[in-house]
């Protein structure tokens, strides 16, 4: 489960929840088939398809040193109808 970093909750991704699509940041080296297996195994759901893209680098400056932010790959996972992923725990 180290390949899936965390779910993304922005205004755009919350609107995608209505279409049964979930967005996750994953490790840059992982591919679609690995992520599909992990999500189906961990959340016990059926994945219909997966779209992925890499986020652009952003410059960070600390004093005179210029670096870049950590780069992740973002996966948008569409589930079969009737399945859902609980993003918030109900404690």
Protein backbone atom coordinates (compact mmCIF):
# COMPACT_ATOMS: atom_id res chain seq x y z
CA UNK A 1 0.00 0.00 0.00
CA UNK A 2 3.08 2.25 -0.09
CA UNK A 3 2.41 3.09 -3.74
CA UNK A 4 -0.83 4.97 -3.03
CA UNK A 5 0.08 8.14 -1.16
CA UNK A 6 -3.26 9.76 -0.30
CA UNK A 7 -6.65 10.70 -1.78
CA UNK A 8 -7.04 14.16 -3.30
CA UNK A 9 -9.95 16.28 -2.09
CA UNK A 10 -10.29 19.49 -4.08
CA UNK A 11 -13.31 21.21 -5.53
CA UNK A 12 -12.83 19.47 -8.86
CA UNK A 13 -12.28 16.00 -7.39
CA UNK A 14 -15.30 16.35 -5.11
CA UNK A 15 -17.43 17.00 -8.20
CA UNK A 16 -15.95 13.82 -9.72
CA UNK A 17 -17.27 11.81 -6.75
CA UNK A 18 -20.76 12.20 -8.18
CA UNK A 19 -19.57 10.32 -11.29
CA UNK A 20 -18.09 7.56 -9.07
CA UNK A 21 -14.51 8.71 -9.81
CA UNK A 22 -11.83 8.97 -7.12
CA UNK A 23 -8.49 10.73 -7.34
CA UNK A 24 -5.26 9.56 -5.67
CA UNK A 25 -1.64 10.65 -5.66
CA UNK A 26 0.55 7.61 -6.23
CA UNK A 27 4.25 6.83 -6.52
CA UNK A 28 5.87 8.06 -9.74
CA UNK A 29 7.12 4.53 -10.60
CA UNK A 30 3.77 2.75 -10.29
CA UNK A 31 1.64 1.92 -13.30
CA UNK A 32 -2.09 1.53 -13.92
CA UNK A 33 -2.27 -2.25 -13.50
CA UNK A 34 -0.48 -2.17 -10.13
CA UNK A 35 -2.76 0.56 -8.82
CA UNK A 36 -5.85 -1.28 -10.10
CA UNK A 37 -4.82 -4.43 -8.22
CA UNK A 38 -4.08 -2.49 -5.02
CA UNK A 39 -7.37 -0.59 -5.04
CA UNK A 40 -9.45 -3.68 -5.82
CA UNK A 41 -7.69 -5.65 -3.09
CA UNK A 42 -7.59 -2.98 -0.38
CA UNK A 43 -11.05 -1.40 -0.82
CA UNK A 44 -12.85 -4.53 -2.16
CA UNK A 45 -14.30 -2.76 -5.22
CA UNK A 46 -14.31 -3.27 -9.01
CA UNK A 47 -12.36 -0.74 -11.08
CA UNK A 48 -13.78 0.18 -14.49
CA UNK A 49 -10.88 2.27 -15.79
CA UNK A 50 -7.98 4.45 -14.66
CA UNK A 51 -6.64 7.72 -16.08
CA UNK A 52 -3.23 9.01 -15.01
CA UNK A 53 -1.08 12.09 -15.44
CA UNK A 54 2.04 13.59 -13.94
CA UNK A 55 1.81 16.89 -12.15
CA UNK A 56 4.15 19.67 -13.26
CA UNK A 57 7.21 20.51 -11.17
CA UNK A 58 7.07 23.61 -9.01
CA UNK A 59 10.11 25.60 -7.91
CA UNK A 60 10.75 26.06 -4.21
CA UNK A 61 13.29 28.51 -2.89
CA UNK A 62 14.92 28.37 0.53
CA UNK A 63 17.38 31.23 0.83
CA UNK A 64 19.77 31.02 -2.09
CA UNK A 65 19.02 27.37 -2.83
CA UNK A 66 16.46 26.64 -5.54
CA UNK A 67 14.87 23.19 -5.64
CA UNK A 68 11.72 21.48 -6.80
CA UNK A 69 8.74 19.97 -5.03
CA UNK A 70 8.34 16.21 -4.77
CA UNK A 71 6.70 14.92 -7.92
CA UNK A 72 3.85 12.41 -7.82
CA UNK A 73 1.63 10.80 -10.39
CA UNK A 74 -2.11 11.42 -10.08
CA UNK A 75 -4.55 8.61 -10.87
CA UNK A 76 -8.28 9.11 -11.43
CA UNK A 77 -10.02 5.80 -10.74
CA UNK A 78 -13.53 5.12 -12.07
CA UNK A 79 -15.44 2.38 -10.27
CA UNK A 80 -18.18 0.10 -11.54
CA UNK A 81 -21.71 1.18 -10.60
CA UNK A 82 -22.76 0.04 -7.14
CA UNK A 83 -19.27 0.35 -5.61
CA UNK A 84 -17.83 3.19 -3.54
CA UNK A 85 -14.75 3.99 -1.47
CA UNK A 86 -15.22 5.45 2.02
CA UNK A 87 -12.84 8.45 2.14
CA UNK A 88 -13.71 9.51 5.69
CA UNK A 89 -13.77 7.16 8.66
CA UNK A 90 -17.03 7.10 10.62
CA UNK A 91 -15.68 7.13 14.19
